[in-house]
Amino acid sequence: MVQQKIDYLVKKLPFKNNVKALADSETDGFVKIIIGKKYGEILGAHILCSTATDMISEIVNIMETEGMIVELANACHPHPTLSEVVMDVAQDLVLEWYKVNKK
């Protein structure tokens, strides 16, 4: 097995502040996304909630097409839905990624 040193950024947000999660009393869980520090490509994600299997495909599709975090952050996420947490994480990562790569 070959090990690679990859610089990355990671952001994790809980569902406890999401309006839909509060309304459904489903505030346990989180969304975490990992991106490459240089290009902003999505390296991986974790979603822990009752609808995680419905939500992960959006992230996987962007990964499969070698998309960047900016594309996920700009995608439409209806309100109120749990998928808004995916958008919040993505938008936070975009801001962090821009700060790191600002030269």
PDB file of N, CA and C in Angstrom:
ATOM      1  N   MET A   1       0.843  -1.180   0.000  1.00  0.00           N
ATOM      2  CA  MET A   1       0.000   0.000   0.000  1.00  0.00           C
ATOM      3  C   MET A   1       0.888   1.243   0.000  1.00  0.00           C
ATOM      4  N   VAL A   2       0.594   2.154  -0.914  1.00  0.00           N
ATOM      5  CA  VAL A   2       1.349   3.398  -1.026  1.00  0.00           C
ATOM      6  C   VAL A   2       0.612   4.492  -0.259  1.00  0.00           C
ATOM      7  N   GLN A   3       1.329   5.138   0.624  1.00  0.00           N
ATOM      8  CA  GLN A   3       0.728   6.239   1.373  1.00  0.00           C
ATOM      9  C   GLN A   3       1.054   7.545   0.675  1.00  0.00           C
ATOM     10  N   GLN A   4       0.059   8.438   0.635  1.00  0.00           N
ATOM     11  CA  GLN A   4       0.244   9.738   0.025  1.00  0.00           C
ATOM     12  C   GLN A   4       0.032  10.818   1.071  1.00  0.00           C
ATOM     13  N   LYS A   5       0.809  11.870   0.980  1.00  0.00           N
ATOM     14  CA  LYS A   5       0.590  13.011   1.854  1.00  0.00           C
ATOM     15  C   LYS A   5      -0.254  14.011   1.076  1.00  0.00           C
ATOM     16  N   ILE A   6      -1.482  14.174   1.493  1.00  0.00           N
ATOM     17  CA  ILE A   6      -2.401  15.081   0.821  1.00  0.00           C
ATOM     18  C   ILE A   6      -2.791  16.181   1.804  1.00  0.00           C
ATOM     19  N   ASP A   7      -2.547  17.433   1.421  1.00  0.00           N
ATOM     20  CA  ASP A   7      -3.007  18.545   2.236  1.00  0.00           C
ATOM     21  C   ASP A   7      -4.504  18.704   2.010  1.00  0.00           C
ATOM     22  N   TYR A   8      -5.230  18.840   3.097  1.00  0.00           N
ATOM     23  CA  TYR A   8      -6.679  18.909   2.978  1.00  0.00           C
ATOM     24  C   TYR A   8      -7.264  19.904   3.973  1.00  0.00           C
ATOM     25  N   LEU A   9      -8.517  20.251   3.719  1.00  0.00           N
ATOM     26  CA  LEU A   9      -9.317  21.060   4.625  1.00  0.00           C
ATOM     27  C   LEU A   9     -10.552  20.242   4.965  1.00  0.00           C
ATOM     28  N   VAL A  10     -11.049  20.399   6.171  1.00  0.00           N
ATOM     29  CA  VAL A  10     -12.220  19.647   6.594  1.00  0.00           C
ATOM     30  C   VAL A  10     -13.152  20.556   7.383  1.00  0.00           C
ATOM     31  N   LYS A  11     -14.442  20.346   7.176  1.00  0.00           N
ATOM     32  CA  LYS A  11     -15.452  21.093   7.926  1.00  0.00           C
ATOM     33  C   LYS A  11     -16.560  20.137   8.328  1.00  0.00           C
ATOM     34  N   LYS A  12     -17.022  20.300   9.555  1.00  0.00           N
ATOM     35  CA  LYS A  12     -18.082  19.445  10.088  1.00  0.00           C
ATOM     36  C   LYS A  12     -19.098  20.330  10.800  1.00  0.00           C
ATOM     37  N   LEU A  13     -20.379  20.146  10.467  1.00  0.00           N
ATOM     38  CA  LEU A  13     -21.446  20.882  11.134  1.00  0.00           C
ATOM     39  C   LEU A  13     -22.530  19.912  11.611  1.00  0.00           C
ATOM     40  N   PRO A  14     -23.071  20.163  12.792  1.00  0.00           N
ATOM     41  CA  PRO A  14     -24.140  19.309  13.323  1.00  0.00           C
ATOM     42  C   PRO A  14     -25.508  19.718  12.769  1.00  0.00           C
ATOM     43  N   PHE A  15     -26.469  18.847  12.915  1.00  0.00           N
ATOM     44  CA  PHE A  15     -27.834  19.138  12.499  1.00  0.00           C
ATOM     45  C   PHE A  15     -28.609  19.935  13.537  1.00  0.00           C
ATOM     46  N   LYS A  16     -28.045  20.138  14.724  1.00  0.00           N
ATOM     47  CA  LYS A  16     -28.794  20.750  15.820  1.00  0.00           C
ATOM     48  C   LYS A  16     -29.264  22.176  15.540  1.00  0.00           C
ATOM     49  N   ASN A  17     -28.665  22.855  14.547  1.00  0.00           N
ATOM     50  CA  ASN A  17     -29.079  24.208  14.212  1.00  0.00           C
ATOM     51  C   ASN A  17     -29.926  24.287  12.943  1.00  0.00           C
ATOM     52  N   ASN A  18     -30.254  23.162  12.366  1.00  0.00           N
ATOM     53  CA  ASN A  18     -31.032  23.115  11.133  1.00  0.00           C
ATOM     54  C   ASN A  18     -32.523  23.141  11.461  1.00  0.00           C
ATOM     55  N   VAL A  19     -33.267  24.012  10.788  1.00  0.00           N
ATOM     56  CA  VAL A  19     -34.693  24.205  11.061  1.00  0.00           C
ATOM     57  C   VAL A  19     -35.497  22.917  10.860  1.00  0.00           C
ATOM     58  N   LYS A  20     -35.237  22.195   9.788  1.00  0.00           N
ATOM     59  CA  LYS A  20     -35.960  20.943   9.497  1.00  0.00           C
ATOM     60  C   LYS A  20     -35.652  19.886  10.551  1.00  0.00           C
ATOM     61  N   ALA A  21     -34.392  19.787  10.956  1.00  0.00           N
ATOM     62  CA  ALA A  21     -34.005  18.821  11.990  1.00  0.00           C
ATOM     63  C   ALA A  21     -34.693  19.154  13.306  1.00  0.00           C
ATOM     64  N   LEU A  22     -34.766  20.425  13.632  1.00  0.00           N
ATOM     65  CA  LEU A  22     -35.452  20.848  14.866  1.00  0.00           C
ATOM     66  C   LEU A  22     -36.941  20.529  14.799  1.00  0.00           C
ATOM     67  N   ALA A  23     -37.565  20.801  13.653  1.00  0.00           N
ATOM     68  CA  ALA A  23     -38.999  20.536  13.490  1.00  0.00           C
ATOM     69  C   ALA A  23     -39.318  19.052  13.577  1.00  0.00           C
ATOM     70  N   ASP A  24     -38.411  18.212  13.083  1.00  0.00           N
ATOM     71  CA  ASP A  24     -38.604  16.761  13.083  1.00  0.00           C
ATOM     72  C   ASP A  24     -38.062  16.087  14.336  1.00  0.00           C
ATOM     73  N   SER A  25     -37.476  16.873  15.244  1.00  0.00           N
ATOM     74  CA  SER A  25     -36.809  16.337  16.441  1.00  0.00           C
ATOM     75  C   SER A  25     -35.749  15.294  16.067  1.00  0.00           C
ATOM     76  N   GLU A  26     -35.020  15.585  15.005  1.00  0.00           N
ATOM     77  CA  GLU A  26     -33.953  14.706  14.496  1.00  0.00           C
ATOM     78  C   GLU A  26     -32.637  15.479  14.461  1.00  0.00           C
ATOM     79  N   THR A  27     -32.212  15.969  15.596  1.00  0.00           N
ATOM     80  CA  THR A  27     -31.040  16.847  15.630  1.00  0.00           C
ATOM     81  C   THR A  27     -29.716  16.117  15.838  1.00  0.00           C
ATOM     82  N   ASP A  28     -29.756  14.818  16.032  1.00  0.00           N
ATOM     83  CA  ASP A  28     -28.512  14.061  16.163  1.00  0.00           C
ATOM     84  C   ASP A  28     -27.861  13.922  14.794  1.00  0.00           C
ATOM     85  N   GLY A  29     -26.547  13.939  14.776  1.00  0.00           N
ATOM     86  CA  GLY A  29     -25.826  13.713  13.539  1.00  0.00           C
ATOM     87  C   GLY A  29     -25.109  14.943  13.025  1.00  0.00           C
ATOM     88  N   PHE A  30     -24.444  14.757  11.872  1.00  0.00           N
ATOM     89  CA  PHE A  30     -23.618  15.822  11.306  1.00  0.00           C
ATOM     90  C   PHE A  30     -23.327  15.559   9.842  1.00  0.00           C
ATOM     91  N   VAL A  31     -22.783  16.583   9.196  1.00  0.00           N
ATOM     92  CA  VAL A  31     -22.238  16.473   7.845  1.00  0.00           C
ATOM     93  C   VAL A  31     -20.790  16.920   7.922  1.00  0.00           C
ATOM     94  N   LYS A  32     -19.884  16.126   7.365  1.00  0.00           N
ATOM     95  CA  LYS A  32     -18.464  16.465   7.315  1.00  0.00           C
ATOM     96  C   LYS A  32     -17.977  16.245   5.883  1.00  0.00           C
ATOM     97  N   ILE A  33     -17.257  17.247   5.358  1.00  0.00           N
ATOM     98  CA  ILE A  33     -16.721  17.151   4.006  1.00  0.00           C
ATOM     99  C   ILE A  33     -15.224  17.458   4.062  1.00  0.00           C
ATOM    100  N   ILE A  34     -14.467  16.701   3.281  1.00  0.00           N
ATOM    101  CA  ILE A  34     -13.017  16.849   3.207  1.00  0.00           C
ATOM    102  C   ILE A  34     -12.669  17.231   1.763  1.00  0.00           C
ATOM    103  N   ILE A  35     -11.867  18.300   1.611  1.00  0.00           N
ATOM    104  CA  ILE A  35     -11.475  18.740   0.274  1.00  0.00           C
ATOM    105  C   ILE A  35      -9.959  18.872   0.178  1.00  0.00           C
ATOM    106  N   GLY A  36      -9.453  18.780  -1.038  1.00  0.00           N
ATOM    107  CA  GLY A  36      -8.039  19.028  -1.283  1.00  0.00           C
ATOM    108  C   GLY A  36      -7.742  20.508  -1.109  1.00  0.00           C
ATOM    109  N   LYS A  37      -6.668  20.808  -0.435  1.00  0.00           N
ATOM    110  CA  LYS A  37      -6.315  22.188  -0.112  1.00  0.00           C
ATOM    111  C   LYS A  37      -5.937  23.002  -1.353  1.00  0.00           C
ATOM    112  N   LYS A  38      -5.314  22.368  -2.318  1.00  0.00           N
ATOM    113  CA  LYS A  38      -4.821  23.103  -3.486  1.00  0.00           C
ATOM    114  C   LYS A  38      -5.909  23.410  -4.507  1.00  0.00           C
ATOM    115  N   TYR A  39      -6.706  22.402  -4.875  1.00  0.00           N
ATOM    116  CA  TYR A  39      -7.674  22.571  -5.954  1.00  0.00           C
ATOM    117  C   TYR A  39      -9.132  22.642  -5.495  1.00  0.00           C
ATOM    118  N   GLY A  40      -9.418  22.270  -4.255  1.00  0.00           N
ATOM    119  CA  GLY A  40     -10.792  22.303  -3.767  1.00  0.00           C
ATOM    120  C   GLY A  40     -11.632  21.118  -4.203  1.00  0.00           C
ATOM    121  N   GLU A  41     -10.959  20.045  -4.657  1.00  0.00           N
ATOM    122  CA  GLU A  41     -11.705  18.850  -5.049  1.00  0.00           C
ATOM    123  C   GLU A  41     -12.222  18.129  -3.802  1.00  0.00           C
ATOM    124  N   ILE A  42     -13.374  17.511  -3.920  1.00  0.00           N
ATOM    125  CA  ILE A  42     -13.953  16.794  -2.785  1.00  0.00           C
ATOM    126  C   ILE A  42     -13.277  15.435  -2.675  1.00  0.00           C
ATOM    127  N   LEU A  43     -12.647  15.193  -1.540  1.00  0.00           N
ATOM    128  CA  LEU A  43     -11.934  13.935  -1.296  1.00  0.00           C
ATOM    129  C   LEU A  43     -12.807  12.911  -0.585  1.00  0.00           C
ATOM    130  N   GLY A  44     -13.757  13.381   0.196  1.00  0.00           N
ATOM    131  CA  GLY A  44     -14.608  12.464   0.934  1.00  0.00           C
ATOM    132  C   GLY A  44     -15.641  13.205   1.754  1.00  0.00           C
ATOM    133  N   ALA A  45     -16.570  12.455   2.307  1.00  0.00           N
ATOM    134  CA  ALA A  45     -17.620  13.050   3.130  1.00  0.00           C
ATOM    135  C   ALA A  45     -18.199  11.999   4.068  1.00  0.00           C
ATOM    136  N   HIS A  46     -18.721  12.483   5.176  1.00  0.00           N
ATOM    137  CA  HIS A  46     -19.439  11.649   6.124  1.00  0.00           C
ATOM    138  C   HIS A  46     -20.755  12.347   6.431  1.00  0.00           C
ATOM    139  N   ILE A  47     -21.825  11.600   6.406  1.00  0.00           N
ATOM    140  CA  ILE A  47     -23.125  12.128   6.823  1.00  0.00           C
ATOM    141  C   ILE A  47     -23.712  11.127   7.801  1.00  0.00           C
ATOM    142  N   LEU A  48     -24.080  11.629   8.945  1.00  0.00           N
ATOM    143  CA  LEU A  48     -24.682  10.776   9.961  1.00  0.00           C
ATOM    144  C   LEU A  48     -26.037  11.362  10.332  1.00  0.00           C
ATOM    145  N   CYS A  49     -27.095  10.741   9.823  1.00  0.00           N
ATOM    146  CA  CYS A  49     -28.477  11.122  10.150  1.00  0.00           C
ATOM    147  C   CYS A  49     -29.409  10.073   9.547  1.00  0.00           C
ATOM    148  N   SER A  50     -30.684  10.216   9.832  1.00  0.00           N
ATOM    149  CA  SER A  50     -31.648   9.214   9.376  1.00  0.00           C
ATOM    150  C   SER A  50     -31.836   9.217   7.860  1.00  0.00           C
ATOM    151  N   THR A  51     -31.500  10.309   7.184  1.00  0.00           N
ATOM    152  CA  THR A  51     -31.672  10.386   5.733  1.00  0.00           C
ATOM    153  C   THR A  51     -30.330  10.479   4.996  1.00  0.00           C
ATOM    154  N   ALA A  52     -29.278  10.007   5.610  1.00  0.00           N
ATOM    155  CA  ALA A  52     -27.938  10.107   5.019  1.00  0.00           C
ATOM    156  C   ALA A  52     -27.858   9.443   3.648  1.00  0.00           C
ATOM    157  N   THR A  53     -28.526   8.315   3.479  1.00  0.00           N
ATOM    158  CA  THR A  53     -28.459   7.616   2.191  1.00  0.00           C
ATOM    159  C   THR A  53     -29.099   8.423   1.071  1.00  0.00           C
ATOM    160  N   ASP A  54     -30.044   9.291   1.399  1.00  0.00           N
ATOM    161  CA  ASP A  54     -30.660  10.159   0.401  1.00  0.00           C
ATOM    162  C   ASP A  54     -29.788  11.368   0.088  1.00  0.00           C
ATOM    163  N   MET A  55     -28.976  11.771   1.035  1.00  0.00           N
ATOM    164  CA  MET A  55     -28.207  13.003   0.900  1.00  0.00           C
ATOM    165  C   MET A  55     -26.810  12.812   0.302  1.00  0.00           C
ATOM    166  N   ILE A  56     -26.230  11.657   0.462  1.00  0.00           N
ATOM    167  CA  ILE A  56     -24.831  11.459   0.067  1.00  0.00           C
ATOM    168  C   ILE A  56     -24.636  11.460  -1.450  1.00  0.00           C
ATOM    169  N   SER A  57     -25.659  11.102  -2.200  1.00  0.00           N
ATOM    170  CA  SER A  57     -25.502  10.992  -3.658  1.00  0.00           C
ATOM    171  C   SER A  57     -25.114  12.310  -4.308  1.00  0.00           C
ATOM    172  N   GLU A  58     -25.584  13.412  -3.775  1.00  0.00           N
ATOM    173  CA  GLU A  58     -25.222  14.721  -4.313  1.00  0.00           C
ATOM    174  C   GLU A  58     -23.703  14.929  -4.264  1.00  0.00           C
ATOM    175  N   ILE A  59     -23.114  14.560  -3.153  1.00  0.00           N
ATOM    176  CA  ILE A  59     -21.673  14.714  -2.980  1.00  0.00           C
ATOM    177  C   ILE A  59     -20.917  13.714  -3.857  1.00  0.00           C
ATOM    178  N   VAL A  60     -21.383  12.493  -3.889  1.00  0.00           N
ATOM    179  CA  VAL A  60     -20.736  11.449  -4.694  1.00  0.00           C
ATOM    180  C   VAL A  60     -20.746  11.819  -6.177  1.00  0.00           C
ATOM    181  N   ASN A  61     -21.848  12.363  -6.663  1.00  0.00           N
ATOM    182  CA  ASN A  61     -21.914  12.757  -8.079  1.00  0.00           C
ATOM    183  C   ASN A  61     -20.871  13.811  -8.421  1.00  0.00           C
ATOM    184  N   ILE A  62     -20.664  14.764  -7.540  1.00  0.00           N
ATOM    185  CA  ILE A  62     -19.644  15.784  -7.793  1.00  0.00           C
ATOM    186  C   ILE A  62     -18.249  15.166  -7.728  1.00  0.00           C
ATOM    187  N   MET A  63     -18.048  14.244  -6.794  1.00  0.00           N
ATOM    188  CA  MET A  63     -16.750  13.559  -6.710  1.00  0.00           C
ATOM    189  C   MET A  63     -16.473  12.765  -7.980  1.00  0.00           C
ATOM    190  N   GLU A  64     -17.463  12.051  -8.477  1.00  0.00           N
ATOM    191  CA  GLU A  64     -17.291  11.210  -9.668  1.00  0.00           C
ATOM    192  C   GLU A  64     -16.981  12.030 -10.914  1.00  0.00           C
ATOM    193  N   THR A  65     -17.470  13.255 -10.968  1.00  0.00           N
ATOM    194  CA  THR A  65     -17.219  14.107 -12.130  1.00  0.00           C
ATOM    195  C   THR A  65     -16.027  15.032 -11.895  1.00  0.00           C
ATOM    196  N   GLU A  66     -15.272  14.731 -10.826  1.00  0.00           N
ATOM    197  CA  GLU A  66     -14.085  15.500 -10.459  1.00  0.00           C
ATOM    198  C   GLU A  66     -14.386  16.982 -10.282  1.00  0.00           C
ATOM    199  N   GLY A  67     -15.568  17.246  -9.708  1.00  0.00           N
ATOM    200  CA  GLY A  67     -15.969  18.614  -9.436  1.00  0.00           C
ATOM    201  C   GLY A  67     -15.285  19.162  -8.198  1.00  0.00           C
ATOM    202  N   MET A  68     -15.519  20.438  -7.971  1.00  0.00           N
ATOM    203  CA  MET A  68     -14.912  21.126  -6.837  1.00  0.00           C
ATOM    204  C   MET A  68     -15.976  21.504  -5.816  1.00  0.00           C
ATOM    205  N   ILE A  69     -15.510  21.886  -4.644  1.00  0.00           N
ATOM    206  CA  ILE A  69     -16.412  22.260  -3.554  1.00  0.00           C
ATOM    207  C   ILE A  69     -17.282  23.455  -3.940  1.00  0.00           C
ATOM    208  N   VAL A  70     -16.776  24.308  -4.805  1.00  0.00           N
ATOM    209  CA  VAL A  70     -17.540  25.481  -5.245  1.00  0.00           C
ATOM    210  C   VAL A  70     -18.849  25.044  -5.908  1.00  0.00           C
ATOM    211  N   GLU A  71     -18.796  23.969  -6.677  1.00  0.00           N
ATOM    212  CA  GLU A  71     -20.004  23.480  -7.354  1.00  0.00           C
ATOM    213  C   GLU A  71     -21.041  22.991  -6.361  1.00  0.00           C
ATOM    214  N   LEU A  72     -20.605  22.328  -5.319  1.00  0.00           N
ATOM    215  CA  LEU A  72     -21.534  21.864  -4.288  1.00  0.00           C
ATOM    216  C   LEU A  72     -22.113  23.048  -3.520  1.00  0.00           C
ATOM    217  N   ALA A  73     -21.283  24.025  -3.222  1.00  0.00           N
ATOM    218  CA  ALA A  73     -21.743  25.199  -2.481  1.00  0.00           C
ATOM    219  C   ALA A  73     -22.758  26.014  -3.275  1.00  0.00           C
ATOM    220  N   ASN A  74     -22.627  26.011  -4.598  1.00  0.00           N
ATOM    221  CA  ASN A  74     -23.530  26.794  -5.441  1.00  0.00           C
ATOM    222  C   ASN A  74     -24.786  26.045  -5.867  1.00  0.00           C
ATOM    223  N   ALA A  75     -24.861  24.760  -5.555  1.00  0.00           N
ATOM    224  CA  ALA A  75     -26.029  23.962  -5.941  1.00  0.00           C
ATOM    225  C   ALA A  75     -27.256  24.375  -5.128  1.00  0.00           C
ATOM    226  N   CYS A  76     -28.423  24.190  -5.724  1.00  0.00           N
ATOM    227  CA  CYS A  76     -29.680  24.540  -5.060  1.00  0.00           C
ATOM    228  C   CYS A  76     -29.973  23.552  -3.930  1.00  0.00           C
ATOM    229  N   HIS A  77     -30.263  24.087  -2.739  1.00  0.00           N
ATOM    230  CA  HIS A  77     -30.655  23.287  -1.580  1.00  0.00           C
ATOM    231  C   HIS A  77     -31.919  23.901  -1.000  1.00  0.00           C
ATOM    232  N   PRO A  78     -33.066  23.275  -1.216  1.00  0.00           N
ATOM    233  CA  PRO A  78     -34.343  23.849  -0.792  1.00  0.00           C
ATOM    234  C   PRO A  78     -34.414  24.060   0.720  1.00  0.00           C
ATOM    235  N   HIS A  79     -35.281  24.977   1.110  1.00  0.00           N
ATOM    236  CA  HIS A  79     -35.508  25.270   2.531  1.00  0.00           C
ATOM    237  C   HIS A  79     -36.966  24.979   2.851  1.00  0.00           C
ATOM    238  N   PRO A  80     -37.269  24.341   3.923  1.00  0.00           N
ATOM    239  CA  PRO A  80     -36.382  23.725   4.909  1.00  0.00           C
ATOM    240  C   PRO A  80     -36.115  22.262   4.580  1.00  0.00           C
ATOM    241  N   THR A  81     -34.860  21.889   4.516  1.00  0.00           N
ATOM    242  CA  THR A  81     -34.459  20.497   4.327  1.00  0.00           C
ATOM    243  C   THR A  81     -33.181  20.226   5.106  1.00  0.00           C
ATOM    244  N   LEU A  82     -32.923  18.964   5.364  1.00  0.00           N
ATOM    245  CA  LEU A  82     -31.672  18.589   6.015  1.00  0.00           C
ATOM    246  C   LEU A  82     -30.479  18.812   5.091  1.00  0.00           C
ATOM    247  N   SER A  83     -30.718  18.791   3.784  1.00  0.00           N
ATOM    248  CA  SER A  83     -29.615  18.973   2.836  1.00  0.00           C
ATOM    249  C   SER A  83     -29.011  20.368   2.908  1.00  0.00           C
ATOM    250  N   GLU A  84     -29.675  21.285   3.562  1.00  0.00           N
ATOM    251  CA  GLU A  84     -29.100  22.616   3.749  1.00  0.00           C
ATOM    252  C   GLU A  84     -27.798  22.554   4.543  1.00  0.00           C
ATOM    253  N   VAL A  85     -27.657  21.544   5.384  1.00  0.00           N
ATOM    254  CA  VAL A  85     -26.419  21.404   6.150  1.00  0.00           C
ATOM    255  C   VAL A  85     -25.266  21.075   5.208  1.00  0.00           C
ATOM    256  N   VAL A  86     -25.524  20.296   4.161  1.00  0.00           N
ATOM    257  CA  VAL A  86     -24.504  20.015   3.148  1.00  0.00           C
ATOM    258  C   VAL A  86     -24.064  21.334   2.516  1.00  0.00           C
ATOM    259  N   MET A  87     -25.035  22.181   2.170  1.00  0.00           N
ATOM    260  CA  MET A  87     -24.721  23.477   1.581  1.00  0.00           C
ATOM    261  C   MET A  87     -23.922  24.346   2.552  1.00  0.00           C
ATOM    262  N   ASP A  88     -24.324  24.369   3.813  1.00  0.00           N
ATOM    263  CA  ASP A  88     -23.624  25.179   4.818  1.00  0.00           C
ATOM    264  C   ASP A  88     -22.165  24.746   4.971  1.00  0.00           C
ATOM    265  N   VAL A  89     -21.941  23.451   5.026  1.00  0.00           N
ATOM    266  CA  VAL A  89     -20.579  22.934   5.132  1.00  0.00           C
ATOM    267  C   VAL A  89     -19.783  23.313   3.884  1.00  0.00           C
ATOM    268  N   ALA A  90     -20.386  23.123   2.720  1.00  0.00           N
ATOM    269  CA  ALA A  90     -19.710  23.436   1.462  1.00  0.00           C
ATOM    270  C   ALA A  90     -19.368  24.927   1.379  1.00  0.00           C
ATOM    271  N   GLN A  91     -20.297  25.779   1.754  1.00  0.00           N
ATOM    272  CA  GLN A  91     -20.031  27.221   1.703  1.00  0.00           C
ATOM    273  C   GLN A  91     -18.936  27.625   2.682  1.00  0.00           C
ATOM    274  N   ASP A  92     -18.944  27.053   3.870  1.00  0.00           N
ATOM    275  CA  ASP A  92     -17.878  27.334   4.836  1.00  0.00           C
ATOM    276  C   ASP A  92     -16.513  26.890   4.298  1.00  0.00           C
ATOM    277  N   LEU A  93     -16.498  25.726   3.657  1.00  0.00           N
ATOM    278  CA  LEU A  93     -15.246  25.226   3.080  1.00  0.00           C
ATOM    279  C   LEU A  93     -14.750  26.101   1.930  1.00  0.00           C
ATOM    280  N   VAL A  94     -15.658  26.601   1.123  1.00  0.00           N
ATOM    281  CA  VAL A  94     -15.264  27.486   0.026  1.00  0.00           C
ATOM    282  C   VAL A  94     -14.578  28.727   0.584  1.00  0.00           C
ATOM    283  N   LEU A  95     -15.151  29.309   1.616  1.00  0.00           N
ATOM    284  CA  LEU A  95     -14.535  30.491   2.229  1.00  0.00           C
ATOM    285  C   LEU A  95     -13.146  30.170   2.775  1.00  0.00           C
ATOM    286  N   GLU A  96     -13.027  29.052   3.446  1.00  0.00           N
ATOM    287  CA  GLU A  96     -11.734  28.639   3.999  1.00  0.00           C
ATOM    288  C   GLU A  96     -10.727  28.359   2.884  1.00  0.00           C
ATOM    289  N   TRP A  97     -11.189  27.698   1.826  1.00  0.00           N
ATOM    290  CA  TRP A  97     -10.327  27.369   0.695  1.00  0.00           C
ATOM    291  C   TRP A  97      -9.822  28.637   0.007  1.00  0.00           C
ATOM    292  N   TYR A  98     -10.699  29.619  -0.190  1.00  0.00           N
ATOM    293  CA  TYR A  98     -10.280  30.897  -0.791  1.00  0.00           C
ATOM    294  C   TYR A  98      -9.235  31.593   0.080  1.00  0.00           C
ATOM    295  N   LYS A  99      -9.419  31.563   1.384  1.00  0.00           N
ATOM    296  CA  LYS A  99      -8.444  32.202   2.289  1.00  0.00           C
ATOM    297  C   LYS A  99      -7.072  31.545   2.174  1.00  0.00           C
ATOM    298  N   VAL A 100      -7.066  30.220   2.135  1.00  0.00           N
ATOM    299  CA  VAL A 100      -5.806  29.470   2.046  1.00  0.00           C
ATOM    300  C   VAL A 100      -5.093  29.725   0.723  1.00  0.00           C
ATOM    301  N   ASN A 101      -5.848  29.853  -0.353  1.00  0.00           N
ATOM    302  CA  ASN A 101      -5.251  29.976  -1.685  1.00  0.00           C
ATOM    303  C   ASN A 101      -5.131  31.418  -2.165  1.00  0.00           C
ATOM    304  N   LYS A 102      -5.487  32.363  -1.337  1.00  0.00           N
ATOM    305  CA  LYS A 102      -5.362  33.775  -1.695  1.00  0.00           C
ATOM    306  C   LYS A 102      -3.880  34.163  -1.648  1.00  0.00           C
ATOM    307  N   LYS A 103      -3.381  34.633  -2.760  1.00  0.00           N
ATOM    308  CA  LYS A 103      -1.960  35.002  -2.818  1.00  0.00           C
ATOM    309  C   LYS A 103      -1.778  36.318  -3.491  1.00  0.00           C
TER     310      LYS A 103
END
